[in-house]
Protein backbone atom coordinates (compact mmCIF):
# COMPACT_ATOMS: atom_id res chain seq x y z
CA MET A 1 115.10 -13.34 42.75
CA THR A 2 118.60 -14.85 42.85
CA ALA A 3 119.00 -18.50 43.79
CA VAL A 4 121.51 -19.26 46.61
CA ARG A 5 123.99 -22.11 46.18
CA LYS A 6 124.86 -24.39 49.12
CA ASN A 7 128.68 -24.29 48.22
CA ASN A 8 130.86 -23.69 45.23
CA ASN A 9 131.16 -27.36 44.48
CA ASP A 10 127.46 -28.26 44.78
CA ASN A 11 125.11 -27.24 42.00
CA THR A 12 122.03 -27.93 44.12
CA LEU A 13 119.89 -24.88 44.76
CA THR A 14 118.98 -24.34 48.33
CA SER A 15 116.16 -21.80 47.54
CA ARG A 16 113.51 -22.66 44.94
CA PRO A 17 110.94 -19.86 45.14
CA PHE A 18 109.02 -20.91 41.95
CA GLN A 19 108.86 -24.57 42.81
CA ASP A 20 105.12 -24.43 43.77
CA LEU A 21 104.15 -21.77 41.15
CA GLY A 22 102.03 -24.24 39.20
CA LYS A 23 100.00 -25.18 42.26
CA MET A 24 99.50 -21.54 43.19
CA ILE A 25 98.21 -20.70 39.72
CA SER A 26 95.87 -23.68 39.68
CA ALA A 27 94.27 -22.57 42.94
CA PRO A 28 90.63 -21.47 42.53
CA GLY A 29 91.14 -17.91 43.72
CA ASN A 30 94.26 -17.43 41.64
CA ARG A 31 92.56 -18.98 38.62
CA HIS A 32 89.89 -16.31 38.61
CA ARG A 33 92.37 -13.53 39.19
CA GLY A 34 94.36 -14.89 36.24
CA ARG A 35 91.36 -14.81 33.95
CA ALA A 36 90.56 -11.23 35.02
CA GLU A 37 94.13 -10.18 34.29
CA LYS A 38 93.95 -11.81 30.87
CA ALA A 39 90.69 -10.10 30.10
CA ARG A 40 92.05 -6.75 31.18
CA HIS A 41 95.07 -7.34 29.00
CA GLN A 42 92.93 -8.23 25.97
CA GLU A 43 90.74 -5.18 26.62
CA LYS A 44 93.79 -2.92 26.74
CA THR A 45 95.16 -4.51 23.58
CA VAL A 46 91.99 -3.79 21.59
CA SER A 47 90.74 -0.89 23.69
CA GLY A 48 90.60 1.52 20.72
CA HIS A 49 88.59 -0.94 18.59
CA SER A 50 86.26 -2.07 21.39
CA GLU A 51 85.31 1.41 22.55
CA ASN A 52 84.47 2.44 18.99
CA THR A 53 82.29 -0.66 18.52
CA VAL A 54 80.27 0.13 21.62
CA ILE A 55 79.70 3.72 20.56
CA GLU A 56 78.63 2.70 17.04
CA THR A 57 76.18 0.19 18.42
CA GLU A 58 74.65 2.73 20.77
CA ILE A 59 73.98 5.31 18.04
CA GLU A 60 72.29 2.79 15.64
CA THR A 61 68.70 3.84 16.30
CA ASP A 62 65.60 2.06 15.16
CA SER A 63 65.31 4.25 12.12
CA ILE A 64 68.82 3.42 11.01
CA LEU A 65 68.21 -0.29 11.46
CA PHE A 66 64.95 0.03 9.49
CA LEU A 67 66.70 1.79 6.58
CA LYS A 68 69.32 -0.88 6.51
CA ALA A 69 66.67 -3.58 6.50
CA MET A 70 64.85 -1.84 3.62
CA GLU A 71 67.84 -1.52 1.33
CA GLY A 72 67.02 -2.59 -2.18
CA VAL A 73 63.25 -2.52 -1.65
CA LYS A 74 61.32 -0.72 -4.47
CA PRO A 75 57.93 0.96 -4.05
CA LEU A 76 54.94 -0.29 -6.01
CA GLU A 77 53.76 1.64 -9.05
CA ASN A 78 50.77 3.99 -8.51
CA GLU A 79 48.47 1.88 -10.68
CA ASN A 80 49.29 -1.22 -8.70
CA ARG A 81 48.58 0.15 -5.26
CA LEU A 82 45.45 -1.03 -3.46
CA PRO A 83 43.54 0.92 -0.82
CA ALA A 84 44.50 0.06 2.79
CA PRO A 85 42.15 -2.62 4.12
CA LYS A 86 39.74 -1.72 6.89
CA PRO A 87 40.65 -2.80 10.43
CA GLY A 88 39.99 -6.46 10.92
CA MET A 89 39.70 -7.04 7.17
CA ASN A 90 42.16 -9.26 5.32
CA ALA A 91 43.55 -8.42 1.85
CA SER A 92 41.16 -10.77 -0.03
CA ALA A 93 38.10 -9.34 1.70
CA SER A 94 39.28 -5.76 0.98
CA SER A 95 39.74 -6.67 -2.67
CA ALA A 96 36.27 -8.15 -2.83
CA LEU A 97 34.76 -5.04 -1.32
CA GLN A 98 36.53 -2.88 -3.85
CA ASP A 99 35.17 -4.97 -6.67
CA ASP A 100 31.65 -4.67 -5.25
CA GLU A 101 31.86 -0.92 -4.94
CA THR A 102 33.13 -0.68 -8.55
CA ALA A 103 30.30 -2.91 -9.83
CA GLU A 104 27.72 -0.83 -7.94
CA ALA A 105 29.06 2.42 -9.42
CA ILE A 106 28.86 0.88 -12.97
CA ARG A 107 25.29 -0.21 -12.32
CA GLU A 108 24.26 3.29 -11.13
CA LEU A 109 25.90 4.83 -14.24
CA ASN A 110 24.08 2.42 -16.57
CA GLU A 111 20.79 3.25 -14.84
CA LEU A 112 21.40 6.94 -15.30
CA ILE A 113 22.19 6.47 -18.99
CA GLN A 114 19.06 4.31 -19.56
CA GLY A 115 16.87 6.75 -17.60
CA LYS A 116 16.06 4.28 -14.87
CA ARG A 117 17.64 6.48 -12.21
CA PRO A 118 17.08 10.23 -12.06
CA LEU A 119 20.16 12.43 -12.36
CA PRO A 120 20.98 14.35 -9.14
CA VAL A 121 19.53 17.77 -9.57
CA GLU A 122 22.77 19.53 -8.78
CA LYS A 123 24.41 17.76 -11.76
CA THR A 124 21.92 19.16 -14.32
CA PRO A 125 22.40 22.44 -16.23
CA GLU A 126 18.97 23.67 -14.89
CA TYR A 127 20.11 23.55 -11.27
CA MET A 128 20.41 26.90 -9.44
CA ASP A 129 21.34 27.96 -5.87
CA GLY A 130 22.30 31.03 -3.94
CA PRO A 131 22.66 33.71 -2.69
CA PRO A 132 25.67 34.19 -4.99
CA ILE A 133 27.61 35.78 -2.07
CA ASN A 134 28.64 33.96 1.16
CA SER A 135 26.69 30.77 0.40
CA ASP A 136 27.26 27.97 2.83
CA ARG A 137 27.76 24.82 0.70
CA ARG A 138 26.95 22.48 3.52
CA LEU A 139 23.68 24.29 4.18
CA LEU A 140 22.83 24.13 0.53
CA LYS A 141 23.57 20.39 0.36
CA ARG A 142 21.23 19.82 3.30
CA LEU A 143 18.51 21.97 1.77
CA ARG A 144 18.51 20.32 -1.69
CA SER A 145 18.48 16.86 -0.08
CA GLY A 146 15.27 17.57 1.76
CA GLY A 147 16.82 18.15 5.15
CA PHE A 148 14.27 20.87 6.00
CA ALA A 149 10.52 20.47 6.08
CA ILE A 150 8.72 22.65 3.58
CA GLN A 151 6.07 24.66 5.47
CA ALA A 152 4.35 26.27 2.45
CA TYR A 153 4.35 26.20 -1.38
CA CYS A 154 3.69 29.08 -3.77
CA GLU A 155 2.21 28.11 -7.14
CA LEU A 156 3.20 30.39 -10.03
CA HIS A 157 2.13 28.38 -13.14
CA GLY A 158 0.08 30.36 -15.70
CA LEU A 159 1.22 33.81 -14.41
CA THR A 160 3.05 36.54 -16.33
CA ALA A 161 6.39 37.79 -15.11
CA ASP A 162 4.94 40.85 -13.40
CA GLU A 163 2.07 38.81 -11.85
CA ALA A 164 4.56 36.20 -10.56
CA LEU A 165 6.79 38.94 -9.06
CA ASN A 166 3.88 40.42 -7.10
CA VAL A 167 2.82 36.92 -5.89
CA CYS A 168 6.34 36.11 -4.84
CA ASP A 169 6.60 39.23 -2.80
CA GLY A 170 3.25 38.75 -1.08
CA PHE A 171 4.02 35.11 -0.28
CA MET A 172 7.37 36.06 1.11
CA ALA A 173 5.89 38.78 3.32
CA ASP A 174 3.24 36.38 4.62
CA SER A 175 5.86 33.67 5.34
CA ILE A 176 8.05 36.08 7.39
CA MET A 177 5.00 37.30 9.32
CA SER A 178 4.02 33.65 9.99
CA ASN A 179 7.58 32.89 11.10
CA ARG A 180 8.08 30.21 8.52
CA ARG A 181 11.64 29.01 7.98
CA CYS A 182 11.43 26.90 4.80
CA ILE A 183 9.22 27.59 1.86
CA ALA A 184 9.11 26.67 -1.88
CA TYR A 185 8.20 28.36 -5.14
CA ILE A 186 6.69 26.22 -7.90
CA HIS A 187 7.60 27.88 -11.24
CA GLY A 188 8.17 24.94 -13.60
CA ARG A 189 11.09 24.34 -15.85
CA GLY A 190 10.01 26.65 -18.66
CA LYS A 191 10.37 24.11 -21.43
CA SER A 192 7.64 25.88 -23.45
CA SER A 193 9.41 29.29 -23.21
CA PRO A 194 11.21 30.37 -26.43
CA GLY A 195 14.29 31.47 -24.50
CA LYS A 196 15.13 31.21 -20.89
CA PRO A 197 12.41 29.91 -18.44
CA ILE A 198 10.55 33.14 -17.63
CA LEU A 199 8.99 32.26 -14.30
CA LYS A 200 12.20 30.58 -12.99
CA GLU A 201 14.27 33.62 -13.89
CA THR A 202 11.68 35.88 -12.23
CA VAL A 203 11.95 33.93 -8.96
CA LYS A 204 15.78 34.01 -9.18
CA HIS A 205 15.80 37.74 -9.71
CA PHE A 206 13.36 38.21 -6.78
CA LEU A 207 15.48 36.13 -4.44
CA ASN A 208 18.66 37.95 -5.34
CA ARG A 209 17.35 41.58 -5.74
CA GLY A 210 13.99 41.72 -4.02
CA ARG A 211 13.17 43.72 -0.89
CA PHE A 212 13.26 40.59 1.25
CA ARG A 213 16.66 39.37 0.09
CA ARG A 214 18.23 40.02 3.51
CA TYR A 215 15.86 37.45 5.00
CA ILE A 216 17.10 34.77 2.63
CA LEU A 217 19.67 32.42 4.15
CA ALA A 218 19.86 30.03 1.10
CA TYR A 219 17.93 28.77 -1.84
CA CYS A 220 18.32 25.97 -4.36
CA SER A 221 16.51 23.69 -6.78
CA ALA A 222 14.40 21.03 -5.12
CA PRO A 223 15.44 17.33 -5.28
CA SER A 224 14.14 15.31 -8.21
CA TRP A 225 11.39 13.66 -6.08
CA ASP A 226 9.84 17.09 -5.34
CA GLY A 227 9.88 18.82 -8.68
CA GLY A 228 13.67 19.14 -9.33
CA PRO A 229 14.54 22.27 -11.31
CA GLY A 230 10.92 23.24 -11.56
CA VAL A 231 10.75 24.02 -7.84
CA THR A 232 12.93 26.31 -5.70
CA TYR A 233 13.42 25.76 -1.99
CA VAL A 234 14.05 28.86 0.10
CA LEU A 235 15.44 28.88 3.69
CA LEU A 236 14.63 32.03 5.67
CA ARG A 237 16.33 33.82 8.53
CA LYS A 238 14.57 34.79 11.73
CA ARG A 239 15.90 38.31 11.32
CA PRO A 240 17.34 40.09 8.28
CA VAL A 241 21.04 40.19 7.98
CA LYS A 242 22.51 43.60 8.77
CA LYS A 243 24.01 45.62 5.92
CA LYS A 244 27.75 46.10 6.36
CA LYS A 245 28.78 49.77 6.76
CA LYS A 246 31.29 51.02 4.28
CA ARG A 247 34.66 51.99 5.66
CA GLN A 248 35.47 55.68 5.46
């Protein structure tokens, strides 16, 4: 805007449009508008940088932040790792429990070495189980731990191999007719035999090859408290398993 002079000889301005500019700027409404304009100006000045900063912040997910926080952290060596404590158990209690379990294992091992505790029958070289095909390991574990009630025992001590085979066959036939599910053969460990235990091998052959083998669900050496390797538990089926037909 051009200022208008009163005359050529008077330098006094008759129009002063910016005289009250300071008051106008200091007014409340204009003050806020001025701040907004300043903010917009600053935003335009650094718009390229500010937009990039917002985008980078948004894409920093929790996983990225976690990786940044874990920079320089080294994993423990395998031998220094401790098992995770149980829920509600602090580290000291977990360590104490581990020490107790280790001490208990050492005590059991010492008792086994000193003969104070019987060795689990399945850990002995005399242990046997079957049938050799399609044996259910969970069922065998339950059988050798005494999970089934023995309904009848067959005593074979003092018999020859042929006599024992005939007795085994007759006892099995009677058990199937009587609907027994779990029986046992007492054959001994055969310690006095010059070679392999004769009666034990006879029972094993009968169970694997005898005419009633399709009725046998599982068999195994008895637990130590019921004769161990000198007794064989037998679990019977209600019906014989069907023979699979050969494919043409």
